[in-house]
Full PDB file with SEQRES, HELIX, SHEET, SSBOND, CRYST1, ORIGX, SCALE, CONECT and MASTER records, all heavy atoms in Angstrom:
SEQRES   1 A   36  SER ALA ASP CYS ARG HIS LEU ALA ASP LEU ASP VAL THR          
SEQRES   2 A   36  LEU THR ASP ASN ASP THR THR ILE VAL ASP PRO SER HIS          
SEQRES   3 A   36  LEU GLN ALA GLU SER GLN ALA ALA GLY ALA                      
CRYST1    1.000    1.000    1.000  90.00  90.00  90.00 P 1           1          
ORIGX1      1.000000  0.000000  0.000000        0.00000                         
ORIGX2      0.000000  1.000000  0.000000        0.00000                         
ORIGX3      0.000000  0.000000  1.000000        0.00000                         
SCALE1      1.000000  0.000000  0.000000        0.00000                         
SCALE2      0.000000  1.000000  0.000000        0.00000                         
SCALE3      0.000000  0.000000  1.000000        0.00000                         
ATOM      1  N   SER A   1     -10.467   7.810  -9.437  1.00  0.00           N  
ATOM      2  CA  SER A   1     -11.751   7.279  -9.874  1.00  0.00           C  
ATOM      3  C   SER A   1     -11.835   7.351 -11.396  1.00  0.00           C  
ATOM      4  O   SER A   1     -11.029   8.010 -12.059  1.00  0.00           O  
ATOM      5  CB  SER A   1     -12.897   8.086  -9.260  1.00  0.00           C  
ATOM      6  OG  SER A   1     -12.945   9.383  -9.836  1.00  0.00           O  
ATOM      7  N   ALA A   2     -12.852   6.685 -11.953  1.00  0.00           N  
ATOM      8  CA  ALA A   2     -13.034   6.691 -13.398  1.00  0.00           C  
ATOM      9  C   ALA A   2     -13.266   8.093 -13.938  1.00  0.00           C  
ATOM     10  O   ALA A   2     -12.955   8.377 -15.101  1.00  0.00           O  
ATOM     11  CB  ALA A   2     -14.197   5.778 -13.775  1.00  0.00           C  
ATOM     12  N   ASP A   3     -13.815   9.003 -13.119  1.00  0.00           N  
ATOM     13  CA  ASP A   3     -14.062  10.373 -13.569  1.00  0.00           C  
ATOM     14  C   ASP A   3     -12.999  11.345 -13.055  1.00  0.00           C  
ATOM     15  O   ASP A   3     -13.229  12.541 -12.964  1.00  0.00           O  
ATOM     16  CB  ASP A   3     -15.461  10.837 -13.154  1.00  0.00           C  
ATOM     17  CG  ASP A   3     -15.679  10.776 -11.648  1.00  0.00           C  
ATOM     18  OD1 ASP A   3     -14.719  10.434 -10.914  1.00  0.00           O  
ATOM     19  OD2 ASP A   3     -16.796  11.070 -11.192  1.00  0.00           O  
ATOM     20  N   CYS A   4     -11.830  10.831 -12.699  1.00  0.00           N  
ATOM     21  CA  CYS A   4     -10.638  11.621 -12.379  1.00  0.00           C  
ATOM     22  C   CYS A   4     -10.586  12.165 -10.955  1.00  0.00           C  
ATOM     23  O   CYS A   4      -9.684  12.944 -10.637  1.00  0.00           O  
ATOM     24  CB  CYS A   4     -10.434  12.776 -13.361  1.00  0.00           C  
ATOM     25  SG  CYS A   4      -9.896  12.252 -14.985  1.00  0.00           S  
ATOM     26  N   ARG A   5     -11.511  11.784 -10.085  1.00  0.00           N  
ATOM     27  CA  ARG A   5     -11.384  12.221  -8.702  1.00  0.00           C  
ATOM     28  C   ARG A   5     -10.211  11.494  -8.030  1.00  0.00           C  
ATOM     29  O   ARG A   5      -9.981  10.317  -8.259  1.00  0.00           O  
ATOM     30  CB  ARG A   5     -12.678  11.948  -7.937  1.00  0.00           C  
ATOM     31  CG  ARG A   5     -13.815  12.892  -8.266  1.00  0.00           C  
ATOM     32  CD  ARG A   5     -15.107  12.481  -7.574  1.00  0.00           C  
ATOM     33  NE  ARG A   5     -15.620  11.223  -8.105  1.00  0.00           N  
ATOM     34  CZ  ARG A   5     -15.778  10.107  -7.404  1.00  0.00           C  
ATOM     35  NH1 ARG A   5     -15.463  10.093  -6.101  1.00  0.00           N  
ATOM     36  NH2 ARG A   5     -16.263   9.026  -7.950  1.00  0.00           N  
ATOM     37  N   HIS A   6      -9.485  12.240  -7.211  1.00  0.00           N  
ATOM     38  CA  HIS A   6      -8.368  11.674  -6.453  1.00  0.00           C  
ATOM     39  C   HIS A   6      -8.962  11.021  -5.211  1.00  0.00           C  
ATOM     40  O   HIS A   6      -9.467  11.700  -4.325  1.00  0.00           O  
ATOM     41  CB  HIS A   6      -7.394  12.799  -6.097  1.00  0.00           C  
ATOM     42  CG  HIS A   6      -6.190  12.342  -5.342  1.00  0.00           C  
ATOM     43  ND1 HIS A   6      -5.226  13.218  -4.904  1.00  0.00           N  
ATOM     44  CD2 HIS A   6      -5.776  11.121  -4.943  1.00  0.00           C  
ATOM     45  CE1 HIS A   6      -4.284  12.557  -4.262  1.00  0.00           C  
ATOM     46  NE2 HIS A   6      -4.601  11.278  -4.277  1.00  0.00           N  
ATOM     47  N   LEU A   7      -8.893   9.682  -5.130  1.00  0.00           N  
ATOM     48  CA  LEU A   7      -9.592   8.956  -4.080  1.00  0.00           C  
ATOM     49  C   LEU A   7      -8.747   8.695  -2.844  1.00  0.00           C  
ATOM     50  O   LEU A   7      -9.238   8.804  -1.716  1.00  0.00           O  
ATOM     51  CB  LEU A   7     -10.099   7.615  -4.620  1.00  0.00           C  
ATOM     52  CG  LEU A   7     -11.138   7.678  -5.735  1.00  0.00           C  
ATOM     53  CD1 LEU A   7     -11.444   6.275  -6.238  1.00  0.00           C  
ATOM     54  CD2 LEU A   7     -12.406   8.365  -5.261  1.00  0.00           C  
ATOM     55  N   ALA A   8      -7.486   8.313  -3.034  1.00  0.00           N  
ATOM     56  CA  ALA A   8      -6.688   7.895  -1.872  1.00  0.00           C  
ATOM     57  C   ALA A   8      -5.206   7.884  -2.219  1.00  0.00           C  
ATOM     58  O   ALA A   8      -4.821   7.690  -3.373  1.00  0.00           O  
ATOM     59  CB  ALA A   8      -7.113   6.511  -1.402  1.00  0.00           C  
ATOM     60  N   ASP A   9      -4.374   8.113  -1.195  1.00  0.00           N  
ATOM     61  CA  ASP A   9      -2.920   7.960  -1.270  1.00  0.00           C  
ATOM     62  C   ASP A   9      -2.503   6.925  -0.234  1.00  0.00           C  
ATOM     63  O   ASP A   9      -3.058   6.878   0.871  1.00  0.00           O  
ATOM     64  CB  ASP A   9      -2.210   9.281  -0.972  1.00  0.00           C  
ATOM     65  CG  ASP A   9      -2.241  10.222  -2.155  1.00  0.00           C  
ATOM     66  OD1 ASP A   9      -3.263  10.911  -2.326  1.00  0.00           O  
ATOM     67  OD2 ASP A   9      -1.253  10.249  -2.898  1.00  0.00           O  
ATOM     68  N   LEU A  10      -1.500   6.140  -0.578  1.00  0.00           N  
ATOM     69  CA  LEU A  10      -1.084   5.054   0.283  1.00  0.00           C  
ATOM     70  C   LEU A  10       0.413   4.830   0.121  1.00  0.00           C  
ATOM     71  O   LEU A  10       0.921   4.853  -1.003  1.00  0.00           O  
ATOM     72  CB  LEU A  10      -1.841   3.778  -0.128  1.00  0.00           C  
ATOM     73  CG  LEU A  10      -1.632   2.497   0.683  1.00  0.00           C  
ATOM     74  CD1 LEU A  10      -2.268   2.649   2.048  1.00  0.00           C  
ATOM     75  CD2 LEU A  10      -2.243   1.321  -0.072  1.00  0.00           C  
ATOM     76  N   ASP A  11       1.133   4.644   1.222  1.00  0.00           N  
ATOM     77  CA  ASP A  11       2.553   4.305   1.178  1.00  0.00           C  
ATOM     78  C   ASP A  11       2.742   2.873   1.659  1.00  0.00           C  
ATOM     79  O   ASP A  11       2.214   2.484   2.710  1.00  0.00           O  
ATOM     80  CB  ASP A  11       3.379   5.247   2.066  1.00  0.00           C  
ATOM     81  CG  ASP A  11       3.559   6.615   1.438  1.00  0.00           C  
ATOM     82  OD1 ASP A  11       3.468   6.712   0.199  1.00  0.00           O  
ATOM     83  OD2 ASP A  11       3.774   7.586   2.179  1.00  0.00           O  
ATOM     84  N   VAL A  12       3.494   2.095   0.890  1.00  0.00           N  
ATOM     85  CA  VAL A  12       3.817   0.720   1.253  1.00  0.00           C  
ATOM     86  C   VAL A  12       5.321   0.529   1.105  1.00  0.00           C  
ATOM     87  O   VAL A  12       5.882   0.813   0.041  1.00  0.00           O  
ATOM     88  CB  VAL A  12       3.073  -0.297   0.367  1.00  0.00           C  
ATOM     89  CG1 VAL A  12       3.514  -1.723   0.694  1.00  0.00           C  
ATOM     90  CG2 VAL A  12       1.563  -0.151   0.535  1.00  0.00           C  
ATOM     91  N   THR A  13       5.965   0.085   2.166  1.00  0.00           N  
ATOM     92  CA  THR A  13       7.405  -0.156   2.135  1.00  0.00           C  
ATOM     93  C   THR A  13       7.668  -1.631   1.875  1.00  0.00           C  
ATOM     94  O   THR A  13       7.095  -2.502   2.532  1.00  0.00           O  
ATOM     95  CB  THR A  13       8.048   0.258   3.465  1.00  0.00           C  
ATOM     96  OG1 THR A  13       7.802   1.653   3.685  1.00  0.00           O  
ATOM     97  CG2 THR A  13       9.550   0.025   3.432  1.00  0.00           C  
ATOM     98  N   LEU A  14       8.530  -1.905   0.886  1.00  0.00           N  
ATOM     99  CA  LEU A  14       8.858  -3.273   0.511  1.00  0.00           C  
ATOM    100  C   LEU A  14      10.346  -3.522   0.719  1.00  0.00           C  
ATOM    101  O   LEU A  14      11.178  -2.701   0.332  1.00  0.00           O  
ATOM    102  CB  LEU A  14       8.508  -3.529  -0.963  1.00  0.00           C  
ATOM    103  CG  LEU A  14       7.045  -3.331  -1.370  1.00  0.00           C  
ATOM    104  CD1 LEU A  14       6.900  -3.484  -2.880  1.00  0.00           C  
ATOM    105  CD2 LEU A  14       6.154  -4.321  -0.646  1.00  0.00           C  
ATOM    106  N   THR A  15      10.673  -4.653   1.316  1.00  0.00           N  
ATOM    107  CA  THR A  15      12.067  -5.060   1.426  1.00  0.00           C  
ATOM    108  C   THR A  15      12.432  -5.899   0.213  1.00  0.00           C  
ATOM    109  O   THR A  15      11.609  -6.139  -0.677  1.00  0.00           O  
ATOM    110  CB  THR A  15      12.298  -5.845   2.720  1.00  0.00           C  
ATOM    111  OG1 THR A  15      11.374  -6.944   2.764  1.00  0.00           O  
ATOM    112  CG2 THR A  15      12.066  -4.954   3.936  1.00  0.00           C  
ATOM    113  N   ASP A  16      13.663  -6.380   0.144  1.00  0.00           N  
ATOM    114  CA  ASP A  16      14.120  -7.128  -1.021  1.00  0.00           C  
ATOM    115  C   ASP A  16      13.266  -8.388  -1.221  1.00  0.00           C  
ATOM    116  O   ASP A  16      13.046  -9.156  -0.286  1.00  0.00           O  
ATOM    117  CB  ASP A  16      15.590  -7.511  -0.834  1.00  0.00           C  
ATOM    118  CG  ASP A  16      16.222  -7.995  -2.123  1.00  0.00           C  
ATOM    119  OD1 ASP A  16      15.853  -7.461  -3.196  1.00  0.00           O  
ATOM    120  OD2 ASP A  16      17.071  -8.897  -2.063  1.00  0.00           O  
ATOM    121  N   ASN A  17      12.758  -8.582  -2.451  1.00  0.00           N  
ATOM    122  CA  ASN A  17      11.916  -9.724  -2.818  1.00  0.00           C  
ATOM    123  C   ASN A  17      10.599  -9.770  -2.049  1.00  0.00           C  
ATOM    124  O   ASN A  17       9.952 -10.820  -1.970  1.00  0.00           O  
ATOM    125  CB  ASN A  17      12.667 -11.053  -2.616  1.00  0.00           C  
ATOM    126  CG  ASN A  17      13.855 -11.187  -3.541  1.00  0.00           C  
ATOM    127  OD1 ASN A  17      13.777 -10.839  -4.714  1.00  0.00           O  
ATOM    128  ND2 ASN A  17      14.965 -11.674  -3.018  1.00  0.00           N  
ATOM    129  N   ASP A  18      10.179  -8.639  -1.522  1.00  0.00           N  
ATOM    130  CA  ASP A  18       8.942  -8.554  -0.747  1.00  0.00           C  
ATOM    131  C   ASP A  18       7.735  -8.483  -1.679  1.00  0.00           C  
ATOM    132  O   ASP A  18       7.832  -8.026  -2.827  1.00  0.00           O  
ATOM    133  CB  ASP A  18       8.996  -7.308   0.141  1.00  0.00           C  
ATOM    134  CG  ASP A  18       7.994  -7.348   1.277  1.00  0.00           C  
ATOM    135  OD1 ASP A  18       7.301  -8.367   1.430  1.00  0.00           O  
ATOM    136  OD2 ASP A  18       7.924  -6.350   2.028  1.00  0.00           O  
ATOM    137  N   THR A  19       6.575  -8.928  -1.183  1.00  0.00           N  
ATOM    138  CA  THR A  19       5.327  -8.905  -1.941  1.00  0.00           C  
ATOM    139  C   THR A  19       4.200  -8.435  -1.036  1.00  0.00           C  
ATOM    140  O   THR A  19       4.141  -8.800   0.140  1.00  0.00           O  
ATOM    141  CB  THR A  19       4.989 -10.307  -2.492  1.00  0.00           C  
ATOM    142  OG1 THR A  19       5.972 -10.690  -3.447  1.00  0.00           O  
ATOM    143  CG2 THR A  19       3.627 -10.315  -3.172  1.00  0.00           C  
ATOM    144  N   THR A  20       3.306  -7.622  -1.605  1.00  0.00           N  
ATOM    145  CA  THR A  20       2.117  -7.206  -0.858  1.00  0.00           C  
ATOM    146  C   THR A  20       0.894  -7.384  -1.741  1.00  0.00           C  
ATOM    147  O   THR A  20       0.972  -7.284  -2.973  1.00  0.00           O  
ATOM    148  CB  THR A  20       2.224  -5.739  -0.398  1.00  0.00           C  
ATOM    149  OG1 THR A  20       1.125  -5.437   0.471  1.00  0.00           O  
ATOM    150  CG2 THR A  20       2.207  -4.780  -1.573  1.00  0.00           C  
ATOM    151  N   ILE A  21      -0.249  -7.662  -1.123  1.00  0.00           N  
ATOM    152  CA  ILE A  21      -1.540  -7.737  -1.798  1.00  0.00           C  
ATOM    153  C   ILE A  21      -2.439  -6.692  -1.169  1.00  0.00           C  
ATOM    154  O   ILE A  21      -2.638  -6.677   0.046  1.00  0.00           O  
ATOM    155  CB  ILE A  21      -2.168  -9.133  -1.671  1.00  0.00           C  
ATOM    156  CG1 ILE A  21      -1.262 -10.181  -2.320  1.00  0.00           C  
ATOM    157  CG2 ILE A  21      -3.551  -9.169  -2.301  1.00  0.00           C  
ATOM    158  CD1 ILE A  21      -1.705 -11.607  -2.080  1.00  0.00           C  
ATOM    159  N   VAL A  22      -2.976  -5.789  -1.991  1.00  0.00           N  
ATOM    160  CA  VAL A  22      -3.758  -4.663  -1.488  1.00  0.00           C  
ATOM    161  C   VAL A  22      -5.204  -4.791  -1.960  1.00  0.00           C  
ATOM    162  O   VAL A  22      -5.471  -4.981  -3.151  1.00  0.00           O  
ATOM    163  CB  VAL A  22      -3.152  -3.321  -1.941  1.00  0.00           C  
ATOM    164  CG1 VAL A  22      -4.061  -2.154  -1.543  1.00  0.00           C  
ATOM    165  CG2 VAL A  22      -1.765  -3.141  -1.331  1.00  0.00           C  
ATOM    166  N   ASP A  23      -6.104  -4.682  -1.014  1.00  0.00           N  
ATOM    167  CA  ASP A  23      -7.548  -4.729  -1.251  1.00  0.00           C  
ATOM    168  C   ASP A  23      -8.069  -3.298  -1.136  1.00  0.00           C  
ATOM    169  O   ASP A  23      -8.033  -2.707  -0.048  1.00  0.00           O  
ATOM    170  CB  ASP A  23      -8.189  -5.635  -0.199  1.00  0.00           C  
ATOM    171  CG  ASP A  23      -9.712  -5.664  -0.272  1.00  0.00           C  
ATOM    172  OD1 ASP A  23     -10.279  -4.954  -1.118  1.00  0.00           O  
ATOM    173  OD2 ASP A  23     -10.319  -6.391   0.532  1.00  0.00           O  
ATOM    174  N   PRO A  24      -8.563  -2.698  -2.242  1.00  0.00           N  
ATOM    175  CA  PRO A  24      -9.019  -1.299  -2.161  1.00  0.00           C  
ATOM    176  C   PRO A  24     -10.254  -1.091  -1.293  1.00  0.00           C  
ATOM    177  O   PRO A  24     -10.614   0.058  -1.030  1.00  0.00           O  
ATOM    178  CB  PRO A  24      -9.291  -0.926  -3.624  1.00  0.00           C  
ATOM    179  CG  PRO A  24      -9.470  -2.224  -4.319  1.00  0.00           C  
ATOM    180  CD  PRO A  24      -8.634  -3.225  -3.605  1.00  0.00           C  
ATOM    181  N   SER A  25     -10.888  -2.157  -0.841  1.00  0.00           N  
ATOM    182  CA  SER A  25     -11.974  -1.989   0.121  1.00  0.00           C  
ATOM    183  C   SER A  25     -11.444  -1.939   1.551  1.00  0.00           C  
ATOM    184  O   SER A  25     -12.209  -1.746   2.495  1.00  0.00           O  
ATOM    185  CB  SER A  25     -12.993  -3.132  -0.007  1.00  0.00           C  
ATOM    186  OG  SER A  25     -12.440  -4.358   0.449  1.00  0.00           O  
ATOM    187  N   HIS A  26     -10.117  -2.094   1.700  1.00  0.00           N  
ATOM    188  CA  HIS A  26      -9.494  -2.065   3.031  1.00  0.00           C  
ATOM    189  C   HIS A  26      -8.073  -1.518   2.863  1.00  0.00           C  
ATOM    190  O   HIS A  26      -7.090  -2.231   3.062  1.00  0.00           O  
ATOM    191  CB  HIS A  26      -9.480  -3.462   3.648  1.00  0.00           C  
ATOM    192  CG  HIS A  26      -9.153  -3.482   5.106  1.00  0.00           C  
ATOM    193  ND1 HIS A  26     -10.116  -3.459   6.091  1.00  0.00           N  
ATOM    194  CD2 HIS A  26      -7.968  -3.490   5.762  1.00  0.00           C  
ATOM    195  CE1 HIS A  26      -9.531  -3.483   7.276  1.00  0.00           C  
ATOM    196  NE2 HIS A  26      -8.230  -3.509   7.110  1.00  0.00           N  
ATOM    197  N   LEU A  27      -7.970  -0.250   2.503  1.00  0.00           N  
ATOM    198  CA  LEU A  27      -6.676   0.377   2.232  1.00  0.00           C  
ATOM    199  C   LEU A  27      -6.007   0.812   3.524  1.00  0.00           C  
ATOM    200  O   LEU A  27      -6.614   1.499   4.350  1.00  0.00           O  
ATOM    201  CB  LEU A  27      -6.848   1.603   1.320  1.00  0.00           C  
ATOM    202  CG  LEU A  27      -7.215   1.353  -0.134  1.00  0.00           C  
ATOM    203  CD1 LEU A  27      -7.433   2.686  -0.841  1.00  0.00           C  
ATOM    204  CD2 LEU A  27      -6.136   0.547  -0.846  1.00  0.00           C  
ATOM    205  N   GLN A  28      -4.739   0.436   3.675  1.00  0.00           N  
ATOM    206  CA  GLN A  28      -3.989   0.854   4.853  1.00  0.00           C  
ATOM    207  C   GLN A  28      -2.498   0.845   4.520  1.00  0.00           C  
ATOM    208  O   GLN A  28      -2.007  -0.053   3.827  1.00  0.00           O  
ATOM    209  CB  GLN A  28      -4.275  -0.079   6.026  1.00  0.00           C  
ATOM    210  CG  GLN A  28      -3.842   0.460   7.376  1.00  0.00           C  
ATOM    211  CD  GLN A  28      -4.328  -0.416   8.524  1.00  0.00           C  
ATOM    212  OE1 GLN A  28      -4.721  -1.563   8.326  1.00  0.00           O  
ATOM    213  NE2 GLN A  28      -4.305   0.117   9.735  1.00  0.00           N  
ATOM    214  N   ALA A  29      -1.797   1.839   4.995  1.00  0.00           N  
ATOM    215  CA  ALA A  29      -0.352   1.917   4.753  1.00  0.00           C  
ATOM    216  C   ALA A  29       0.350   0.716   5.379  1.00  0.00           C  
ATOM    217  O   ALA A  29      -0.140   0.117   6.345  1.00  0.00           O  
ATOM    218  CB  ALA A  29       0.206   3.212   5.317  1.00  0.00           C  
ATOM    219  N   GLU A  30       1.522   0.372   4.814  1.00  0.00           N  
ATOM    220  CA  GLU A  30       2.302  -0.747   5.326  1.00  0.00           C  
ATOM    221  C   GLU A  30       3.763  -0.334   5.460  1.00  0.00           C  
ATOM    222  O   GLU A  30       4.301   0.377   4.613  1.00  0.00           O  
ATOM    223  CB  GLU A  30       2.219  -1.952   4.381  1.00  0.00           C  
ATOM    224  CG  GLU A  30       0.836  -2.524   4.195  1.00  0.00           C  
ATOM    225  CD  GLU A  30       0.835  -3.702   3.247  1.00  0.00           C  
ATOM    226  OE1 GLU A  30       1.887  -4.345   3.081  1.00  0.00           O  
ATOM    227  OE2 GLU A  30      -0.225  -3.979   2.653  1.00  0.00           O  
ATOM    228  N   SER A  31       4.391  -0.789   6.521  1.00  0.00           N  
ATOM    229  CA  SER A  31       5.825  -0.556   6.703  1.00  0.00           C  
ATOM    230  C   SER A  31       6.437  -1.810   7.306  1.00  0.00           C  
ATOM    231  O   SER A  31       5.728  -2.671   7.838  1.00  0.00           O  
ATOM    232  CB  SER A  31       6.087   0.645   7.616  1.00  0.00           C  
ATOM    233  OG  SER A  31       5.567   0.401   8.916  1.00  0.00           O  
ATOM    234  N   GLN A  32       7.744  -1.916   7.205  1.00  0.00           N  
ATOM    235  CA  GLN A  32       8.431  -3.076   7.748  1.00  0.00           C  
ATOM    236  C   GLN A  32       9.646  -2.610   8.536  1.00  0.00           C  
ATOM    237  O   GLN A  32      10.582  -2.032   7.974  1.00  0.00           O  
ATOM    238  CB  GLN A  32       8.841  -4.038   6.637  1.00  0.00           C  
ATOM    239  CG  GLN A  32       9.335  -5.385   7.156  1.00  0.00           C  
ATOM    240  CD  GLN A  32       9.391  -6.428   6.054  1.00  0.00           C  
ATOM    241  OE1 GLN A  32       8.858  -6.239   4.989  1.00  0.00           O  
ATOM    242  NE2 GLN A  32      10.045  -7.540   6.328  1.00  0.00           N  
ATOM    243  N   ALA A  33       9.612  -2.832   9.827  1.00  0.00           N  
ATOM    244  CA  ALA A  33      10.711  -2.401  10.681  1.00  0.00           C  
ATOM    245  C   ALA A  33      11.918  -3.315  10.493  1.00  0.00           C  
ATOM    246  O   ALA A  33      11.808  -4.462  10.059  1.00  0.00           O  
ATOM    247  CB  ALA A  33      10.265  -2.416  12.141  1.00  0.00           C  
ATOM    248  N   ALA A  34      13.083  -2.789  10.822  1.00  0.00           N  
ATOM    249  CA  ALA A  34      14.310  -3.572  10.713  1.00  0.00           C  
ATOM    250  C   ALA A  34      14.194  -4.844  11.547  1.00  0.00           C  
ATOM    251  O   ALA A  34      13.806  -4.813  12.714  1.00  0.00           O  
ATOM    252  CB  ALA A  34      15.501  -2.744  11.181  1.00  0.00           C  
ATOM    253  N   GLY A  35      14.503  -5.972  10.940  1.00  0.00           N  
ATOM    254  CA  GLY A  35      14.448  -7.250  11.626  1.00  0.00           C  
ATOM    255  C   GLY A  35      13.095  -7.928  11.593  1.00  0.00           C  
ATOM    256  O   GLY A  35      12.987  -9.101  11.946  1.00  0.00           O  
ATOM    257  N   ALA A  36      12.052  -7.204  11.173  1.00  0.00           N  
ATOM    258  CA  ALA A  36      10.720  -7.808  11.105  1.00  0.00           C  
ATOM    259  C   ALA A  36      10.600  -8.658   9.848  1.00  0.00           C  
ATOM    260  O   ALA A  36      11.236  -8.390   8.829  1.00  0.00           O  
ATOM    261  CB  ALA A  36       9.654  -6.720  11.095  1.00  0.00           C  
TER     262      ALA A  36                                                      
MASTER        0    0    0    0    0    0    0    6  261    1    0    3          
END                                                                             
């Protein structure tokens, strides 16, 4: 936060040339299984 509070932690897994768009009003971890 602007006043230094720790708000959230999030893990996102990216494959080669992968792209993600994250909306902080809807934070959720992301992963990509083999072949997906």
